[in-house]
Amino acid sequence: MNKNILYVCYISPGWPLSAFPNGIVTYIQNIVSGFDSIVIPIIATNKLCSENLSNYKIIDLTDFIGNRKVFLRVCNKIFRVKLIPKNIKDWYKDCQVKNYYTAIFKGINTVAGNVDILEVEESFGKAKYLVREGGIPIITRLHGPWFIHGPIMNLDTENGYSARVEAEGEAIRLSDGVTAPSLDVLNRVREFYGISLSNAQVIPNPVPAVLQENQWQYKADEKQTILVVGRFDLHKGGDLALDAFRIVASSNYDVELLFVGPDRGVLVDSVSYSFNEYLDAFISEPGIKKRINFLGHCGSNEISILRKSASVTLMPSRYDNFSYVFVGSCSYGVPCCCNLCRRDEGDYNRRI
């Protein structure tokens, strides 16, 4: 092993970015693309869409956890029996998760035993299981702590909410280091869990530079369009985007809305609405509804084209620690409109 080289492994929810367009994969792609020759990135994932088309070393974790799927499915069915006490079910679940991450750790060590740093997101407290394995410093990246996002999604009363929040706190405490995309999310974690995190560092989400000839240019003769890029859910404010467009479109008879992203649905008064169901329930004007175009998932190249042609990009998120939609739009020079409401300033789940 070359002591002058730093080997950094990222556990990713999927790879490559073109097949898994979410914030975590975007962050990993962007940050590793900026490394110089003394840092060798390694990507570990159990959702590999295609062969490795980049220069990065890829670890397919399904080689190490795939053969356990049948066994786990059988065990899961057994432990759904209501007569089994809850404490035994909790013990089984913890063992199941621990064994899962033991297999992941084994896979990383088997394929790339010279890893110097292993980074993983905070979701579900993944780091606490990896820290127990020992041997590699574990860094937790704060992409979206559940104590922030769970209440936004109206999921803080659901089964498992408290357990997930507790697990993420334990993982953050046990990690050898913590990074955050913004000081705001880092300070929220410090305050909520009551920990100083002296080993933490703010590393803003990076975006690649865009050549000037590829940047947005105002064109008065083009159709007026508002672009929204993000999931249709409460967290990303999909409902706020539609409600705001209804107000704008009621006095501007030409403007159109383009919505790009997966449809996860929104929960309003305990009722779940898909994108089209929300339109039918809350936007009754046919003339406005026909100017709303839901495009679903689009690749990064398609989104780049949409950004350059849109009049403005709307970012309606109820909270974002460091929005990729915003900084990505800024890199193209696109005018942006952001939702800046805070939860402590009133009911930010209300519709406009």
Protein backbone atom coordinates (compact mmCIF):
# COMPACT_ATOMS: atom_id res chain seq x y z
CA MET A 1 0.00 0.00 0.00
CA ASN A 2 1.27 3.45 -0.96
CA LYS A 3 1.50 5.51 2.25
CA ASN A 4 1.40 8.69 0.18
CA ILE A 5 -2.06 7.82 -1.10
CA LEU A 6 -5.30 8.25 0.86
CA TYR A 7 -7.96 5.63 0.14
CA VAL A 8 -11.45 6.95 0.93
CA CYS A 9 -14.48 4.67 0.69
CA TYR A 10 -18.06 5.97 0.43
CA ILE A 11 -21.07 3.77 1.11
CA SER A 12 -23.60 4.93 -1.46
CA PRO A 13 -27.34 4.11 -1.70
CA GLY A 14 -26.80 3.46 -5.40
CA TRP A 15 -24.48 3.99 -8.35
CA PRO A 16 -24.07 5.63 -10.80
CA LEU A 17 -25.69 9.04 -10.42
CA SER A 18 -27.52 8.76 -13.75
CA ALA A 19 -29.53 5.85 -12.34
CA PHE A 20 -29.89 7.13 -8.77
CA PRO A 21 -30.43 10.91 -8.90
CA ASN A 22 -30.64 11.74 -5.20
CA GLY A 23 -28.71 14.13 -2.98
CA ILE A 24 -26.40 11.56 -1.42
CA VAL A 25 -25.26 10.05 -4.71
CA THR A 26 -24.92 13.57 -6.18
CA TYR A 27 -22.70 14.61 -3.26
CA ILE A 28 -20.47 11.53 -3.61
CA GLN A 29 -20.16 11.94 -7.39
CA ASN A 30 -19.32 15.63 -7.13
CA ILE A 31 -16.88 15.39 -4.26
CA VAL A 32 -14.87 12.44 -5.60
CA SER A 33 -14.63 14.07 -9.04
CA GLY A 34 -12.71 16.91 -7.38
CA PHE A 35 -10.07 14.73 -5.73
CA ASP A 36 -6.49 15.04 -6.89
CA SER A 37 -4.10 12.15 -7.51
CA ILE A 38 -3.24 11.59 -3.84
CA VAL A 39 -6.81 10.55 -2.97
CA ILE A 40 -8.24 7.32 -4.37
CA PRO A 41 -12.05 7.11 -4.05
CA ILE A 42 -13.84 3.79 -3.61
CA ILE A 43 -17.62 3.46 -4.00
CA ALA A 44 -19.41 0.66 -2.13
CA THR A 45 -23.06 0.01 -2.98
CA ASN A 46 -25.62 -2.77 -3.08
CA LYS A 47 -27.53 -1.09 -5.91
CA LEU A 48 -25.28 -1.06 -8.94
CA CYS A 49 -27.21 -0.27 -12.09
CA SER A 50 -24.49 -0.97 -14.64
CA GLU A 51 -20.87 -1.79 -15.05
CA ASN A 52 -18.40 0.76 -13.73
CA LEU A 53 -18.07 3.39 -16.43
CA SER A 54 -15.82 5.67 -14.37
CA ASN A 55 -12.27 5.50 -13.10
CA TYR A 56 -13.44 4.83 -9.54
CA LYS A 57 -13.11 1.49 -7.86
CA ILE A 58 -16.58 0.04 -7.28
CA ILE A 59 -17.47 -2.57 -4.65
CA ASP A 60 -20.67 -4.48 -5.39
CA LEU A 61 -21.94 -5.27 -1.90
CA THR A 62 -24.57 -7.70 -3.20
CA ASP A 63 -21.74 -10.21 -3.50
CA PHE A 64 -21.59 -10.21 0.30
CA ILE A 65 -25.17 -9.58 1.41
CA GLY A 66 -27.18 -11.04 -1.48
CA ASN A 67 -27.01 -14.66 -0.31
CA ARG A 68 -28.68 -13.70 2.98
CA LYS A 69 -31.89 -12.37 1.42
CA VAL A 70 -33.87 -15.63 1.41
CA PHE A 71 -32.89 -16.40 5.00
CA LEU A 72 -33.85 -12.89 6.13
CA ARG A 73 -37.22 -13.04 4.39
CA VAL A 74 -38.05 -16.27 6.23
CA CYS A 75 -36.94 -14.81 9.57
CA ASN A 76 -38.95 -11.63 8.97
CA LYS A 77 -42.13 -13.66 8.43
CA ILE A 78 -41.52 -15.65 11.60
CA PHE A 79 -40.97 -12.54 13.71
CA ARG A 80 -44.19 -10.92 12.48
CA VAL A 81 -46.13 -13.35 14.68
CA LYS A 82 -47.96 -11.24 17.25
CA LEU A 83 -47.38 -13.68 20.13
CA ILE A 84 -43.62 -13.06 20.04
CA PRO A 85 -42.75 -10.45 22.74
CA LYS A 86 -41.65 -7.01 21.53
CA ASN A 87 -38.28 -7.15 23.34
CA ILE A 88 -37.41 -10.35 21.48
CA LYS A 89 -38.47 -8.78 18.16
CA ASP A 90 -36.31 -5.72 18.90
CA TRP A 91 -33.37 -7.96 19.77
CA TYR A 92 -33.80 -9.88 16.52
CA LYS A 93 -34.04 -6.68 14.47
CA ASP A 94 -30.86 -5.28 16.05
CA CYS A 95 -29.02 -8.53 15.35
CA GLN A 96 -30.32 -8.54 11.78
CA VAL A 97 -29.09 -4.98 11.14
CA LYS A 98 -25.77 -5.63 12.88
CA ASN A 99 -25.14 -8.74 10.77
CA TYR A 100 -26.07 -6.79 7.65
CA TYR A 101 -23.41 -4.16 8.30
CA THR A 102 -20.90 -6.78 9.37
CA ALA A 103 -21.32 -8.27 5.88
CA ILE A 104 -20.86 -4.84 4.32
CA PHE A 105 -17.72 -4.22 6.36
CA LYS A 106 -16.37 -7.63 5.40
CA GLY A 107 -17.04 -6.89 1.74
CA ILE A 108 -15.18 -3.60 1.85
CA ASN A 109 -12.21 -5.16 3.64
CA THR A 110 -12.14 -8.10 1.23
CA VAL A 111 -12.16 -6.03 -1.95
CA ALA A 112 -10.27 -2.96 -0.73
CA GLY A 113 -8.43 -3.81 2.47
CA ASN A 114 -6.33 -0.66 2.34
CA VAL A 115 -9.17 1.79 3.10
CA ASP A 116 -8.04 4.72 5.26
CA ILE A 117 -11.45 6.37 5.79
CA LEU A 118 -14.98 5.04 5.44
CA GLU A 119 -17.81 7.57 5.06
CA VAL A 120 -21.51 6.79 5.43
CA GLU A 121 -24.73 8.78 5.75
CA GLU A 122 -26.37 9.17 9.16
CA SER A 123 -29.67 7.52 8.14
CA PHE A 124 -30.83 4.78 10.54
CA GLY A 125 -27.58 5.03 12.50
CA LYS A 126 -25.50 3.02 10.04
CA ALA A 127 -22.20 4.22 11.50
CA LYS A 128 -22.79 2.69 14.93
CA TYR A 129 -22.70 -0.80 13.43
CA LEU A 130 -19.63 -0.07 11.34
CA VAL A 131 -17.72 1.49 14.27
CA ARG A 132 -18.15 -1.75 16.21
CA GLU A 133 -16.26 -3.64 13.52
CA GLY A 134 -13.14 -1.54 14.13
CA GLY A 135 -10.04 -1.04 12.03
CA ILE A 136 -11.23 1.81 9.79
CA PRO A 137 -12.05 5.37 10.95
CA ILE A 138 -15.75 5.99 10.34
CA ILE A 139 -17.05 9.39 9.20
CA THR A 140 -20.77 10.18 9.37
CA ARG A 141 -22.09 12.63 6.78
CA LEU A 142 -25.17 14.59 7.87
CA HIS A 143 -27.40 14.48 4.82
CA GLY A 144 -30.75 14.69 6.60
CA PRO A 145 -31.11 13.74 10.30
CA TRP A 146 -34.50 12.18 10.96
CA PHE A 147 -35.32 14.37 13.96
CA ILE A 148 -35.47 17.24 11.43
CA HIS A 149 -37.11 15.54 8.49
CA GLY A 150 -39.46 13.11 10.23
CA PRO A 151 -41.70 15.86 11.68
CA ILE A 152 -41.70 17.69 8.34
CA MET A 153 -43.07 14.54 6.72
CA ASN A 154 -45.66 14.13 9.52
CA LEU A 155 -43.95 10.88 10.49
CA ASP A 156 -42.88 11.75 14.03
CA THR A 157 -45.84 9.83 15.46
CA GLU A 158 -45.17 6.71 13.39
CA ASN A 159 -43.76 3.49 14.83
CA GLY A 160 -39.99 3.49 14.59
CA TYR A 161 -39.52 7.26 14.59
CA SER A 162 -37.99 7.49 18.08
CA ALA A 163 -35.85 4.39 17.53
CA ARG A 164 -34.43 5.81 14.30
CA VAL A 165 -33.71 9.19 15.88
CA GLU A 166 -31.97 7.49 18.82
CA ALA A 167 -29.93 5.24 16.51
CA GLU A 168 -28.76 8.20 14.43
CA GLY A 169 -27.72 10.06 17.58
CA GLU A 170 -25.71 7.09 18.81
CA ALA A 171 -24.04 6.73 15.41
CA ILE A 172 -23.07 10.41 15.40
CA ARG A 173 -21.61 10.13 18.91
CA LEU A 174 -19.59 7.00 18.08
CA SER A 175 -18.22 8.23 14.75
CA ASP A 176 -14.56 9.17 14.48
CA GLY A 177 -15.59 12.30 12.60
CA VAL A 178 -18.68 14.11 11.36
CA THR A 179 -19.14 16.30 8.31
CA ALA A 180 -22.11 18.51 7.48
CA PRO A 181 -23.10 20.47 4.37
CA SER A 182 -24.01 23.53 6.46
CA LEU A 183 -23.40 25.01 9.90
CA ASP A 184 -27.16 25.15 10.46
CA VAL A 185 -27.70 21.39 10.30
CA LEU A 186 -24.54 20.79 12.35
CA ASN A 187 -25.71 23.14 15.11
CA ARG A 188 -29.19 21.59 15.08
CA VAL A 189 -27.60 18.18 15.67
CA ARG A 190 -25.43 19.55 18.46
CA GLU A 191 -28.41 21.15 20.19
CA PHE A 192 -30.84 18.26 19.73
CA TYR A 193 -28.47 15.53 20.96
CA GLY A 194 -26.58 17.69 23.44
CA ILE A 195 -23.14 16.87 22.05
CA SER A 196 -20.32 19.28 21.17
CA LEU A 197 -19.00 17.39 18.11
CA SER A 198 -15.52 18.85 18.33
CA ASN A 199 -14.56 16.37 15.58
CA ALA A 200 -17.04 17.90 13.12
CA GLN A 201 -16.36 19.92 9.99
CA VAL A 202 -18.63 21.79 7.59
CA ILE A 203 -18.00 20.74 3.98
CA PRO A 204 -20.55 22.40 1.66
CA ASN A 205 -22.13 20.27 -1.04
CA PRO A 206 -19.96 20.76 -4.13
CA VAL A 207 -21.22 21.29 -7.67
CA PRO A 208 -19.21 21.23 -10.91
CA ALA A 209 -18.51 24.47 -12.73
CA VAL A 210 -20.61 25.23 -15.81
CA LEU A 211 -19.01 26.81 -18.84
CA GLN A 212 -20.37 30.25 -19.68
CA GLU A 213 -21.68 29.17 -23.06
CA ASN A 214 -23.80 26.52 -21.32
CA GLN A 215 -25.29 28.87 -18.74
CA TRP A 216 -28.78 30.33 -18.60
CA GLN A 217 -29.53 33.34 -20.78
CA TYR A 218 -32.66 35.47 -20.62
CA LYS A 219 -34.76 35.27 -23.79
CA ALA A 220 -37.83 37.48 -23.89
CA ASP A 221 -39.47 35.54 -26.71
CA GLU A 222 -39.41 32.15 -24.95
CA LYS A 223 -42.41 30.66 -23.15
CA GLN A 224 -42.57 31.55 -19.45
CA THR A 225 -41.92 28.44 -17.37
CA ILE A 226 -41.38 27.74 -13.69
CA LEU A 227 -39.17 24.71 -13.03
CA VAL A 228 -39.36 22.57 -9.87
CA VAL A 229 -36.78 19.82 -9.37
CA GLY A 230 -37.33 17.49 -6.43
CA ARG A 231 -39.53 14.80 -4.96
CA PHE A 232 -43.24 15.40 -4.72
CA ASP A 233 -43.52 15.11 -0.93
CA LEU A 234 -43.89 17.33 2.11
CA HIS A 235 -40.17 17.62 2.75
CA LYS A 236 -39.42 19.01 -0.68
CA GLY A 237 -42.60 21.11 -0.59
CA GLY A 238 -44.23 19.66 -3.69
CA ASP A 239 -47.63 20.74 -2.41
CA LEU A 240 -46.35 24.28 -1.79
CA ALA A 241 -45.09 24.45 -5.38
CA LEU A 242 -48.52 23.57 -6.77
CA ASP A 243 -50.34 25.92 -4.42
CA ALA A 244 -47.97 28.80 -5.28
CA PHE A 245 -48.31 28.14 -9.00
CA ARG A 246 -52.10 28.27 -8.68
CA ILE A 247 -51.81 31.79 -7.30
CA VAL A 248 -49.36 32.92 -9.99
CA ALA A 249 -51.27 31.26 -12.84
CA SER A 250 -54.55 32.86 -11.81
CA SER A 251 -53.21 36.24 -12.99
CA ASN A 252 -50.58 35.11 -15.51
CA TYR A 253 -52.37 33.21 -18.26
CA ASP A 254 -49.25 32.09 -20.13
CA VAL A 255 -46.89 30.72 -17.47
CA GLU A 256 -46.42 26.94 -17.19
CA LEU A 257 -45.05 24.71 -14.43
CA LEU A 258 -42.60 21.87 -15.09
CA PHE A 259 -42.23 19.44 -12.17
CA VAL A 260 -39.28 17.03 -12.30
CA GLY A 261 -38.86 14.28 -9.72
CA PRO A 262 -40.38 11.11 -8.25
CA ASP A 263 -43.94 11.11 -6.92
CA ARG A 264 -43.76 10.08 -3.24
CA GLY A 265 -47.11 11.62 -2.31
CA VAL A 266 -48.01 14.15 0.38
CA LEU A 267 -49.93 13.59 3.59
CA VAL A 268 -52.63 16.23 4.21
CA ASP A 269 -54.95 15.82 7.20
CA SER A 270 -53.99 12.13 7.41
CA VAL A 271 -54.89 11.57 3.73
CA SER A 272 -52.16 10.65 1.24
CA TYR A 273 -52.30 12.30 -2.18
CA SER A 274 -50.25 11.45 -5.25
CA PHE A 275 -49.32 14.27 -7.63
CA ASN A 276 -52.40 13.86 -9.83
CA GLU A 277 -54.68 13.26 -6.85
CA TYR A 278 -53.44 16.49 -5.30
CA LEU A 279 -54.21 18.37 -8.51
CA ASP A 280 -57.74 16.98 -8.58
CA ALA A 281 -58.33 17.74 -4.89
CA PHE A 282 -56.83 21.23 -4.56
CA ILE A 283 -56.60 22.78 -8.03
CA SER A 284 -60.04 22.90 -9.56
CA GLU A 285 -59.43 25.36 -12.41
CA PRO A 286 -59.00 23.41 -15.70
CA GLY A 287 -57.13 26.30 -17.31
CA ILE A 288 -54.49 26.19 -14.58
CA LYS A 289 -54.32 22.43 -14.27
CA LYS A 290 -53.52 21.95 -17.97
CA ARG A 291 -50.46 24.20 -17.58
CA ILE A 292 -48.93 21.89 -14.96
CA ASN A 293 -46.64 19.25 -16.45
CA PHE A 294 -45.34 16.40 -14.31
CA LEU A 295 -42.25 14.95 -16.00
CA GLY A 296 -41.27 12.42 -13.32
CA HIS A 297 -37.66 11.25 -13.20
CA CYS A 298 -35.31 12.98 -15.65
CA GLY A 299 -31.61 12.45 -16.16
CA SER A 300 -29.03 15.11 -15.33
CA ASN A 301 -28.63 16.08 -19.00
CA GLU A 302 -32.39 16.57 -19.37
CA ILE A 303 -32.50 18.68 -16.20
CA SER A 304 -29.62 20.82 -17.49
CA ILE A 305 -31.59 21.58 -20.66
CA LEU A 306 -34.70 22.42 -18.62
CA ARG A 307 -32.71 24.73 -16.35
CA LYS A 308 -31.32 26.70 -19.25
CA SER A 309 -34.75 27.23 -20.80
CA ALA A 310 -36.83 27.88 -17.65
CA SER A 311 -37.72 31.43 -16.65
CA VAL A 312 -37.11 30.65 -12.98
CA THR A 313 -36.39 27.66 -10.75
CA LEU A 314 -38.60 27.29 -7.68
CA MET A 315 -37.19 25.58 -4.58
CA PRO A 316 -40.15 25.06 -2.21
CA SER A 317 -38.46 22.76 0.35
CA ARG A 318 -39.66 23.14 3.92
CA TYR A 319 -36.07 22.53 5.02
CA ASP A 320 -32.80 21.87 3.23
CA ASN A 321 -29.39 21.70 4.84
CA PHE A 322 -27.64 22.81 1.62
CA SER A 323 -29.88 22.42 -1.39
CA TYR A 324 -28.39 20.84 -4.50
CA VAL A 325 -31.31 22.20 -6.50
CA PHE A 326 -30.40 25.73 -5.43
CA VAL A 327 -26.61 25.57 -5.86
CA GLY A 328 -26.99 23.56 -9.06
CA SER A 329 -29.29 26.21 -10.47
CA CYS A 330 -26.90 28.96 -9.37
CA SER A 331 -24.05 27.24 -11.20
CA TYR A 332 -26.12 27.66 -14.38
CA GLY A 333 -26.93 31.27 -13.51
CA VAL A 334 -30.64 30.44 -13.29
CA PRO A 335 -32.90 32.82 -11.32
CA CYS A 336 -34.15 31.04 -8.20
CA CYS A 337 -37.05 31.51 -5.81
CA CYS A 338 -36.70 29.76 -2.44
CA ASN A 339 -39.09 28.98 0.38
CA LEU A 340 -37.42 30.54 3.43
CA CYS A 341 -40.06 29.77 6.08
CA ARG A 342 -38.90 28.21 9.33
CA ARG A 343 -40.78 25.81 11.52
CA ASP A 344 -40.53 28.07 14.58
CA GLU A 345 -42.24 30.88 12.67
CA GLY A 346 -45.60 29.15 12.48
CA ASP A 347 -47.29 26.20 10.92
CA TYR A 348 -45.11 25.43 7.94
CA ASN A 349 -47.23 22.48 6.90
CA ARG A 350 -50.10 24.78 5.97
CA ARG A 351 -51.03 25.18 2.33
CA ILE A 352 -50.92 28.67 0.76
